[in-house]
Amino acid sequence: MNKQSLIATAGIVLALFSGSTVVNAAKEAPDQAPPTPTLQAQCAAPFLDNAVLQQKIKLPVWGTSLPGAKVTVRFDGQSQSTPADGTGKWRVLLDPMDAVKLQSVNDCPAGKTMTITCEKDGKKAVKEIKNLVLGDVWLCAGQSNMAGALRTYKPKLYPADTLEKANYPALRQYRSGDDDAWVVCSPETAPVFKKVAFFFARRLQRDALIPIGLMPAAVGGSRIEPWLNQAPYEVGGHYRKFIAPLVGYGLRGTLWYQGESNEKDRRLYQPKLAALITGWRKAWNQGDFPFYYVQLPGIGTSTLENPAGGDGRAEIRQACVETLAIKNTGLAVTIDVGAKGEHPPNKYNTGVRLARLALHNDYGFKNLTICPLYKSHTVKGSSVRITFDNAPNGLMIARKEGFLPPQTHPQCPNDWGCKHAPRGPRHRGPRKKHRSPKGVDGLAGKKPPPRHHTHN
């Protein structure tokens, strides 16, 4: 077993975050088809009632009015004015503001109103955007596994009380289209929330206790190429339609779940993923904001010698690991929550693992464990000794059923030894080993039960 196989199979990573708390947002508003000129302000798409505005950044607000109109934006005690240019475009920056800490996930600060006044030739038009809250905004993009909504409860996919307890007024999701709106989360509206994004936000909000805004932008079956926006790739159609209208709106970070449709790219997926990350960051001009993506989960039932999907998926997973060299990126390991088909029903763990990355890297929860990181291995005779980072309490062999936590099983006792070396924990299995379909050592000389895993 070589180093690349270990990384591709386990997909175990560690993400690092660094950067200032207050950053500058986009300098330029995105290029969009100009609306019919009116004196009353017409704002960029996400500036609607119930929106979540990004805290702790110089917050851009932009839109159009009549050419030469004086535009004044008032919000939370601030007032900024600017003239509309010759085409009617205007843009102001509000000083950084802090979110109000929640008492619980069922709490919400009082919504505030943004007033935009446009004046020209003695005439005045006033626009109000109501029930706004400050918090953290996350862009959630990809293909169908990111696009899927909660809809109605289905047993074993997530906790039975998920929808009935979804009274989260400080959790909001942006809906784009002909009826653009920000949807406030409640038991009645929760079914329209995207599954991965919802479980990410719910866990994030539970621990960080701040309002969370989600901006989904996902298309089923899409390849990565239509989402790209910089050389050597053309600006893709999905980028123009779904991302460009959002560019400049203050973000905390991005989630990405895609790769299935690029399976045949193998390792050539890596430069495309790198271009996506750097291209979107460049477009927003908001620094190296966090960018977390999902490992392609296991699919089907197969042997190590003939894996479902061939080597392409393993190569995609390896490409994702290599992309971790880019600053402020992270990978949610999902090899153990796959299914026979292309759409694993367990999106609960996927969202939670993304949230743990964000909490650990961006919100100061340094004692919260995230997926262990393969560091190195040595081969001695018939044994392989593997060193991991981020595994202070060792690893375990367990059985994973749906969204429930891993449990030890009578057929797979916790028989790995753990040695805490100065450079990190080392784990040693029994001398005689059987390789399970997941690539994890099971019981010596016995066929292991299904779904054996080495991480939570």
Protein backbone atom coordinates (compact mmCIF):
# COMPACT_ATOMS: atom_id res chain seq x y z
CA MET A 1 0.00 0.00 0.00
CA ASN A 2 1.67 3.24 -1.11
CA LYS A 3 1.26 6.77 0.21
CA GLN A 4 -1.10 7.90 -2.53
CA SER A 5 -3.39 4.92 -1.99
CA LEU A 6 -3.56 5.63 1.70
CA ILE A 7 -4.49 9.25 1.13
CA ALA A 8 -6.98 8.51 -1.63
CA THR A 9 -8.69 5.76 0.36
CA ALA A 10 -8.84 7.45 3.71
CA GLY A 11 -9.10 10.98 2.37
CA ILE A 12 -8.05 12.28 5.76
CA VAL A 13 -7.19 15.92 5.93
CA LEU A 14 -6.46 18.90 8.06
CA ALA A 15 -7.42 22.38 7.01
CA LEU A 16 -5.71 25.52 8.24
CA PHE A 17 -7.19 28.95 8.58
CA SER A 18 -5.49 32.24 8.96
CA GLY A 19 -6.44 35.76 8.11
CA SER A 20 -7.72 38.96 9.56
CA THR A 21 -11.13 39.27 11.12
CA VAL A 22 -11.97 42.40 9.15
CA VAL A 23 -11.36 42.25 5.41
CA ASN A 24 -12.26 44.42 2.43
CA ALA A 25 -15.04 43.17 0.18
CA ALA A 26 -15.25 43.41 -3.60
CA LYS A 27 -14.16 46.69 -5.13
CA GLU A 28 -16.35 46.31 -8.16
CA ALA A 29 -19.99 45.33 -8.41
CA PRO A 30 -20.61 42.34 -10.71
CA ASP A 31 -21.51 42.92 -14.34
CA GLN A 32 -25.25 42.39 -14.76
CA ALA A 33 -27.85 43.35 -17.34
CA PRO A 34 -28.88 46.90 -16.41
CA PRO A 35 -32.48 47.25 -15.18
CA THR A 36 -34.81 49.90 -16.54
CA PRO A 37 -33.58 53.18 -14.97
CA THR A 38 -35.76 54.57 -12.16
CA LEU A 39 -35.03 57.11 -9.49
CA GLN A 40 -35.86 54.58 -6.78
CA ALA A 41 -32.86 52.41 -5.99
CA GLN A 42 -32.71 48.97 -7.57
CA CYS A 43 -30.25 46.91 -5.54
CA ALA A 44 -28.18 43.86 -6.37
CA ALA A 45 -30.08 40.57 -6.17
CA PRO A 46 -29.47 39.48 -2.55
CA PHE A 47 -30.43 42.83 -0.96
CA LEU A 48 -33.96 41.86 0.04
CA ASP A 49 -36.11 41.71 3.17
CA ASN A 50 -34.93 39.15 5.75
CA ALA A 51 -31.37 39.06 4.40
CA VAL A 52 -28.32 38.19 6.46
CA LEU A 53 -25.53 40.75 6.01
CA GLN A 54 -21.93 39.74 6.57
CA GLN A 55 -20.50 40.94 9.85
CA LYS A 56 -16.95 42.20 10.49
CA ILE A 57 -16.21 43.37 6.93
CA LYS A 58 -16.44 46.66 5.07
CA LEU A 59 -19.88 45.87 3.73
CA PRO A 60 -20.61 46.76 0.09
CA VAL A 61 -24.09 47.85 -0.95
CA TRP A 62 -24.71 48.59 -4.61
CA GLY A 63 -27.34 49.02 -7.27
CA THR A 64 -28.69 51.49 -9.81
CA SER A 65 -30.68 54.73 -9.93
CA LEU A 66 -30.85 57.57 -12.45
CA PRO A 67 -27.47 58.86 -13.68
CA GLY A 68 -26.23 61.65 -11.44
CA ALA A 69 -28.66 60.93 -8.60
CA LYS A 70 -27.40 61.40 -5.05
CA VAL A 71 -27.71 58.05 -3.25
CA THR A 72 -27.66 57.82 0.55
CA VAL A 73 -27.62 54.47 2.35
CA ARG A 74 -28.55 54.45 6.04
CA PHE A 75 -28.22 51.37 8.24
CA ASP A 76 -27.58 50.71 11.93
CA GLY A 77 -26.61 54.30 12.69
CA GLN A 78 -24.41 54.70 9.62
CA SER A 79 -24.99 56.96 6.63
CA GLN A 80 -22.98 56.82 3.39
CA SER A 81 -23.64 58.89 0.26
CA THR A 82 -22.40 58.68 -3.32
CA PRO A 83 -23.47 59.96 -6.76
CA ALA A 84 -24.72 57.46 -9.34
CA ASP A 85 -22.37 57.35 -12.32
CA GLY A 86 -23.23 58.09 -15.94
CA THR A 87 -24.92 54.72 -16.35
CA GLY A 88 -26.82 54.97 -13.06
CA LYS A 89 -24.59 52.58 -11.10
CA TRP A 90 -23.69 53.38 -7.49
CA ARG A 91 -21.87 51.65 -4.67
CA VAL A 92 -21.12 52.46 -1.03
CA LEU A 93 -19.15 50.74 1.73
CA LEU A 94 -20.51 50.53 5.25
CA ASP A 95 -18.08 50.24 8.14
CA PRO A 96 -17.69 46.80 9.75
CA MET A 97 -20.43 45.79 12.19
CA ASP A 98 -20.69 42.90 14.66
CA ALA A 99 -23.47 40.34 14.83
CA VAL A 100 -25.56 40.12 17.97
CA LYS A 101 -24.80 36.93 19.90
CA LEU A 102 -27.77 34.58 20.10
CA GLN A 103 -29.04 33.22 23.40
CA SER A 104 -29.96 29.98 21.62
CA VAL A 105 -30.68 28.69 18.13
CA ASN A 106 -34.32 29.66 18.69
CA ASP A 107 -33.33 33.27 19.33
CA CYS A 108 -33.00 36.10 16.81
CA PRO A 109 -31.90 39.72 17.22
CA ALA A 110 -34.39 42.42 16.29
CA GLY A 111 -34.36 42.95 12.55
CA LYS A 112 -33.09 46.29 11.26
CA THR A 113 -34.12 48.37 8.27
CA MET A 114 -31.81 49.68 5.54
CA THR A 115 -33.03 52.91 3.94
CA ILE A 116 -31.76 53.95 0.49
CA THR A 117 -32.68 57.48 -0.56
CA CYS A 118 -32.12 58.68 -4.14
CA GLU A 119 -32.46 62.38 -4.99
CA LYS A 120 -32.31 64.23 -8.31
CA ASP A 121 -33.78 67.44 -9.71
CA GLY A 122 -35.78 68.08 -6.56
CA LYS A 123 -37.34 64.63 -6.55
CA LYS A 124 -36.77 61.95 -3.93
CA ALA A 125 -37.38 58.18 -3.86
CA VAL A 126 -36.95 56.06 -0.74
CA LYS A 127 -36.46 52.29 -0.66
CA GLU A 128 -36.57 50.24 2.56
CA ILE A 129 -35.15 46.75 3.05
CA LYS A 130 -36.52 45.30 6.27
CA ASN A 131 -35.78 42.69 8.92
CA LEU A 132 -32.04 42.52 8.20
CA VAL A 133 -29.64 40.82 10.61
CA LEU A 134 -25.86 40.73 10.78
CA GLY A 135 -24.20 37.32 10.81
CA ASP A 136 -22.11 35.01 8.62
CA VAL A 137 -23.03 34.22 5.01
CA TRP A 138 -21.95 30.99 3.31
CA LEU A 139 -22.14 30.30 -0.42
CA CYS A 140 -23.10 26.63 -1.05
CA ALA A 141 -22.38 25.44 -4.59
CA GLY A 142 -21.94 22.29 -6.65
CA GLN A 143 -24.11 19.67 -8.30
CA SER A 144 -27.08 17.53 -7.22
CA ASN A 145 -25.74 16.37 -3.86
CA MET A 146 -25.57 20.02 -2.85
CA ALA A 147 -28.85 20.92 -4.57
CA GLY A 148 -31.04 18.38 -2.77
CA ALA A 149 -33.56 19.87 -0.30
CA LEU A 150 -34.84 18.42 2.97
CA ARG A 151 -38.44 18.11 1.71
CA THR A 152 -40.30 15.78 4.07
CA TYR A 153 -38.91 13.54 6.79
CA LYS A 154 -37.65 10.15 5.74
CA PRO A 155 -36.70 7.64 8.45
CA LYS A 156 -33.00 6.98 9.03
CA LEU A 157 -31.82 9.96 6.95
CA TYR A 158 -31.66 12.39 9.87
CA PRO A 159 -33.14 12.74 13.37
CA ALA A 160 -36.91 12.34 13.41
CA ASP A 161 -37.54 15.71 15.05
CA THR A 162 -35.42 17.68 12.57
CA LEU A 163 -38.32 19.48 10.90
CA GLU A 164 -40.59 19.96 13.89
CA LYS A 165 -37.75 21.56 15.85
CA ALA A 166 -36.65 23.80 12.96
CA ASN A 167 -37.65 27.03 14.66
CA TYR A 168 -34.44 28.88 13.79
CA PRO A 169 -35.37 32.50 12.99
CA ALA A 170 -31.71 33.53 12.66
CA LEU A 171 -31.07 30.86 10.00
CA ARG A 172 -32.01 32.06 6.53
CA GLN A 173 -31.58 30.79 2.99
CA TYR A 174 -31.49 32.91 -0.16
CA ARG A 175 -33.74 31.76 -3.00
CA SER A 176 -32.81 33.05 -6.45
CA GLY A 177 -35.01 33.17 -9.52
CA ASP A 178 -38.11 35.05 -10.58
CA ASP A 179 -39.26 35.18 -6.95
CA ASP A 180 -36.00 36.08 -5.22
CA ALA A 181 -36.36 36.01 -1.45
CA TRP A 182 -34.62 35.20 1.81
CA VAL A 183 -36.47 32.36 3.55
CA VAL A 184 -36.51 32.41 7.36
CA CYS A 185 -36.20 28.91 8.79
CA SER A 186 -39.27 27.51 10.56
CA PRO A 187 -40.90 24.07 10.74
CA GLU A 188 -43.05 25.15 7.77
CA THR A 189 -40.21 26.49 5.58
CA ALA A 190 -37.39 24.08 6.55
CA PRO A 191 -38.28 21.53 3.81
CA VAL A 192 -37.01 23.94 1.11
CA PHE A 193 -33.58 24.26 2.74
CA LYS A 194 -30.74 22.38 1.05
CA LYS A 195 -29.82 19.32 3.12
CA VAL A 196 -26.04 19.67 3.29
CA ALA A 197 -26.27 23.43 3.82
CA PHE A 198 -28.99 23.07 6.47
CA PHE A 199 -27.10 20.56 8.61
CA PHE A 200 -23.92 22.59 8.20
CA ALA A 201 -25.66 25.77 9.34
CA ARG A 202 -27.59 24.13 12.15
CA ARG A 203 -24.42 22.75 13.75
CA LEU A 204 -22.49 25.94 13.08
CA GLN A 205 -25.18 28.06 14.65
CA ARG A 206 -25.56 25.75 17.64
CA ASP A 207 -21.94 26.30 18.65
CA ALA A 208 -21.14 29.79 17.32
CA LEU A 209 -24.55 31.28 18.25
CA ILE A 210 -24.72 33.84 15.45
CA PRO A 211 -27.18 34.36 12.58
CA ILE A 212 -26.30 32.31 9.49
CA GLY A 213 -27.22 33.05 5.89
CA LEU A 214 -27.03 30.40 3.16
CA MET A 215 -26.78 31.17 -0.56
CA PRO A 216 -27.22 27.93 -2.55
CA ALA A 217 -26.05 27.77 -6.15
CA ALA A 218 -26.10 24.17 -7.38
CA VAL A 219 -27.09 22.41 -10.60
CA GLY A 220 -27.67 18.66 -10.80
CA GLY A 221 -25.30 16.78 -13.10
CA SER A 222 -23.07 19.80 -13.67
CA ARG A 223 -19.36 19.49 -14.34
CA ILE A 224 -16.91 21.89 -12.75
CA GLU A 225 -16.07 23.69 -16.00
CA PRO A 226 -19.31 25.77 -16.24
CA TRP A 227 -18.57 27.14 -12.77
CA LEU A 228 -15.11 28.49 -13.66
CA ASN A 229 -14.39 32.14 -14.31
CA GLN A 230 -10.71 32.59 -15.10
CA ALA A 231 -7.99 31.62 -17.58
CA PRO A 232 -7.15 29.20 -19.01
CA TYR A 233 -10.84 28.30 -18.80
CA GLU A 234 -13.73 30.24 -20.31
CA VAL A 235 -16.24 31.91 -18.05
CA GLY A 236 -18.86 29.19 -17.67
CA GLY A 237 -22.60 29.47 -18.05
CA HIS A 238 -23.35 28.44 -14.48
CA TYR A 239 -20.90 31.03 -13.19
CA ARG A 240 -22.57 33.76 -15.24
CA LYS A 241 -26.10 32.73 -14.23
CA PHE A 242 -25.74 31.72 -10.59
CA ILE A 243 -22.49 33.15 -9.20
CA ALA A 244 -21.94 36.48 -10.96
CA PRO A 245 -25.16 38.04 -9.57
CA LEU A 246 -23.87 37.29 -6.05
CA VAL A 247 -20.28 38.47 -6.51
CA GLY A 248 -19.47 41.24 -4.08
CA TYR A 249 -22.13 40.29 -1.53
CA GLY A 250 -20.25 39.88 1.74
CA LEU A 251 -19.27 36.26 2.50
CA ARG A 252 -17.76 34.32 5.37
CA GLY A 253 -16.87 31.38 3.18
CA THR A 254 -17.86 28.82 0.54
CA LEU A 255 -18.93 25.16 0.55
CA TRP A 256 -18.43 23.04 -2.58
CA TYR A 257 -19.83 19.53 -3.27
CA GLN A 258 -19.08 18.40 -6.80
CA GLY A 259 -16.84 16.03 -8.75
CA GLU A 260 -19.09 13.12 -9.65
CA SER A 261 -19.59 14.41 -13.20
CA ASN A 262 -15.82 14.90 -13.62
CA GLU A 263 -14.96 11.32 -12.65
CA LYS A 264 -13.06 10.69 -15.90
CA ASP A 265 -10.82 13.69 -15.27
CA ARG A 266 -9.00 11.77 -12.56
CA ARG A 267 -6.10 13.92 -11.26
CA LEU A 268 -6.74 16.55 -13.94
CA TYR A 269 -9.58 17.68 -11.68
CA GLN A 270 -7.03 19.28 -9.37
CA PRO A 271 -6.07 22.34 -11.49
CA LYS A 272 -9.76 22.95 -12.20
CA LEU A 273 -10.68 22.90 -8.51
CA ALA A 274 -7.72 25.18 -7.77
CA ALA A 275 -8.89 27.56 -10.52
CA LEU A 276 -12.41 27.57 -9.06
CA ILE A 277 -11.15 28.54 -5.62
CA THR A 278 -8.68 31.19 -6.73
CA GLY A 279 -11.03 32.54 -9.39
CA TRP A 280 -13.96 33.03 -7.04
CA ARG A 281 -11.74 34.60 -4.40
CA LYS A 282 -10.35 36.99 -7.00
CA ALA A 283 -13.85 37.93 -8.16
CA TRP A 284 -15.00 38.71 -4.60
CA ASN A 285 -11.78 40.53 -3.72
CA GLN A 286 -12.45 39.65 -0.10
CA GLY A 287 -9.18 37.89 0.64
CA ASP A 288 -8.61 34.16 1.05
CA PHE A 289 -11.98 33.39 2.58
CA PRO A 290 -12.50 29.78 3.74
CA PHE A 291 -13.32 27.28 1.02
CA TYR A 292 -14.44 23.84 2.20
CA TYR A 293 -15.32 20.98 -0.12
CA VAL A 294 -16.69 17.46 0.18
CA GLN A 295 -14.77 14.30 -0.57
CA LEU A 296 -16.59 12.05 -3.04
CA PRO A 297 -18.17 9.40 -0.80
CA GLY A 298 -17.95 5.68 -1.37
CA ILE A 299 -20.30 4.33 -4.03
CA GLY A 300 -21.60 0.83 -4.61
CA THR A 301 -20.19 -2.40 -3.19
CA SER A 302 -16.94 -3.65 -4.60
CA THR A 303 -13.50 -4.98 -3.84
CA LEU A 304 -10.28 -3.02 -3.58
CA GLU A 305 -9.08 -4.69 -6.75
CA ASN A 306 -12.12 -3.55 -8.75
CA PRO A 307 -13.58 -0.44 -7.08
CA ALA A 308 -16.92 0.97 -8.16
CA GLY A 309 -16.30 3.83 -10.53
CA GLY A 310 -12.81 2.57 -11.31
CA ASP A 311 -9.78 4.56 -10.23
CA GLY A 312 -11.32 7.82 -11.37
CA ARG A 313 -13.02 8.54 -8.07
CA ALA A 314 -9.93 7.70 -6.08
CA GLU A 315 -7.99 10.07 -8.31
CA ILE A 316 -10.61 12.79 -7.78
CA ARG A 317 -10.27 12.28 -4.02
CA GLN A 318 -6.51 12.54 -4.32
CA ALA A 319 -6.87 15.70 -6.40
CA CYS A 320 -8.94 17.17 -3.56
CA VAL A 321 -6.26 16.26 -1.03
CA GLU A 322 -3.59 17.94 -3.15
CA THR A 323 -5.73 21.08 -3.40
CA LEU A 324 -5.40 21.48 0.37
CA ALA A 325 -2.08 23.16 -0.39
CA ILE A 326 -4.16 26.27 -1.16
CA LYS A 327 -4.57 28.53 1.86
CA ASN A 328 -7.75 28.28 3.95
CA THR A 329 -9.17 25.17 2.32
CA GLY A 330 -10.52 22.03 3.95
CA LEU A 331 -12.00 18.67 3.03
CA ALA A 332 -14.93 16.91 4.70
CA VAL A 333 -14.21 13.18 4.63
CA THR A 334 -17.28 11.20 3.53
CA ILE A 335 -15.84 7.90 2.29
CA ASP A 336 -17.85 6.10 4.98
CA VAL A 337 -21.26 7.70 4.36
CA GLY A 338 -21.69 6.66 0.75
CA ALA A 339 -24.36 4.41 -0.73
CA LYS A 340 -25.01 2.11 -3.67
CA GLY A 341 -26.22 5.01 -5.78
CA GLU A 342 -24.92 8.44 -6.73
CA HIS A 343 -26.90 10.31 -4.07
CA PRO A 344 -25.99 9.15 -0.56
CA PRO A 345 -29.03 9.68 1.66
CA ASN A 346 -26.91 10.62 4.69
CA LYS A 347 -26.36 14.34 4.22
CA TYR A 348 -26.51 14.87 7.99
CA ASN A 349 -22.91 13.76 8.59
CA THR A 350 -21.70 15.60 5.49
CA GLY A 351 -23.09 18.90 6.76
CA VAL A 352 -21.86 18.34 10.31
CA ARG A 353 -18.32 17.51 9.18
CA LEU A 354 -18.20 20.68 7.09
CA ALA A 355 -19.39 22.61 10.14
CA ARG A 356 -16.70 21.06 12.34
CA LEU A 357 -14.08 22.26 9.86
CA ALA A 358 -15.45 25.79 10.01
CA LEU A 359 -15.86 25.78 13.79
CA HIS A 360 -12.31 24.50 14.31
CA ASN A 361 -10.62 26.71 11.74
CA ASP A 362 -12.67 29.91 11.73
CA TYR A 363 -14.60 30.20 14.98
CA GLY A 364 -11.98 29.35 17.59
CA PHE A 365 -13.18 25.87 18.58
CA LYS A 366 -9.67 24.44 18.58
CA ASN A 367 -10.57 21.55 20.90
CA LEU A 368 -13.19 20.29 18.47
CA THR A 369 -11.88 17.30 16.56
CA ILE A 370 -11.95 17.18 12.79
CA CYS A 371 -10.96 14.34 10.47
CA PRO A 372 -7.49 12.93 11.22
CA LEU A 373 -4.76 13.77 8.75
CA TYR A 374 -2.51 11.13 7.29
CA LYS A 375 1.06 12.23 7.96
CA SER A 376 3.36 9.37 7.00
CA HIS A 377 3.79 5.62 7.01
CA THR A 378 6.56 3.08 7.20
CA VAL A 379 6.63 -0.53 6.05
CA LYS A 380 8.35 -3.17 8.17
CA GLY A 381 7.91 -6.72 7.02
CA SER A 382 4.18 -7.42 6.76
CA SER A 383 3.23 -4.43 8.90
CA VAL A 384 2.45 -0.85 7.93
CA ARG A 385 2.80 1.80 10.63
CA ILE A 386 0.80 4.95 9.94
CA THR A 387 1.22 8.31 11.65
CA PHE A 388 -1.72 10.70 11.88
CA ASP A 389 -2.19 14.29 12.94
CA ASN A 390 -5.33 15.39 14.75
CA ALA A 391 -5.96 12.05 16.43
CA PRO A 392 -5.04 12.78 20.07
CA ASN A 393 -7.20 9.97 21.43
CA GLY A 394 -6.28 7.36 18.84
CA LEU A 395 -8.44 5.72 16.21
CA MET A 396 -11.11 3.04 16.45
CA ILE A 397 -12.66 0.34 14.31
CA ALA A 398 -16.43 0.69 14.38
CA ARG A 399 -19.65 0.21 12.51
CA LYS A 400 -21.53 3.20 11.06
CA GLU A 401 -25.26 3.00 10.43
CA GLY A 402 -26.88 6.01 8.79
CA PHE A 403 -26.45 9.29 10.62
CA LEU A 404 -25.93 7.62 14.00
CA PRO A 405 -22.49 7.85 15.68
CA PRO A 406 -20.07 4.96 15.03
CA GLN A 407 -20.43 2.05 17.42
CA THR A 408 -18.05 -0.74 18.31
CA HIS A 409 -19.32 -4.16 17.26
CA PRO A 410 -18.77 -7.64 18.74
CA GLN A 411 -17.25 -8.78 15.45
CA CYS A 412 -14.81 -5.88 15.30
CA PRO A 413 -13.38 -5.20 18.76
CA ASN A 414 -11.29 -2.13 19.32
CA ASP A 415 -8.11 -4.12 18.82
CA TRP A 416 -5.81 -1.42 17.51
CA GLY A 417 -2.96 -0.36 19.72
CA CYS A 418 -2.15 3.33 19.98
CA LYS A 419 1.24 4.81 20.70
CA HIS A 420 1.47 8.56 21.25
CA ALA A 421 4.76 9.48 19.67
CA PRO A 422 6.28 12.98 19.87
CA ARG A 423 5.38 13.54 16.24
CA GLY A 424 1.82 12.31 16.66
CA PRO A 425 -0.17 9.17 17.48
CA ARG A 426 0.83 5.92 15.83
CA HIS A 427 -1.58 3.06 15.37
CA ARG A 428 -0.74 -0.59 15.04
CA GLY A 429 -3.13 -3.33 14.01
CA PRO A 430 -2.88 -7.10 14.43
CA ARG A 431 -0.12 -8.91 12.59
CA LYS A 432 -2.49 -10.79 10.32
CA LYS A 433 -4.83 -8.44 8.54
CA HIS A 434 -7.87 -8.64 6.32
CA ARG A 435 -8.60 -5.71 4.06
CA SER A 436 -12.21 -4.64 4.19
CA PRO A 437 -14.00 -3.02 1.24
CA LYS A 438 -13.28 0.33 2.87
CA GLY A 439 -9.55 -0.33 3.06
CA VAL A 440 -9.49 -0.66 6.85
CA ASP A 441 -7.84 -3.52 8.70
CA GLY A 442 -10.47 -5.84 10.20
CA LEU A 443 -10.19 -8.98 12.27
CA ALA A 444 -7.29 -11.27 11.52
CA GLY A 445 -8.36 -14.15 9.33
CA LYS A 446 -12.07 -13.20 9.34
CA LYS A 447 -14.28 -11.37 6.91
CA PRO A 448 -15.18 -8.09 8.65
CA PRO A 449 -18.77 -6.87 8.97
CA PRO A 450 -19.81 -4.03 6.63
CA ARG A 451 -18.92 -0.39 7.06
CA HIS A 452 -15.81 -0.46 9.20
CA HIS A 453 -14.32 2.99 9.65
CA THR A 454 -11.45 4.76 11.32
CA HIS A 455 -12.98 8.18 11.90
CA ASN A 456 -16.18 9.79 13.21
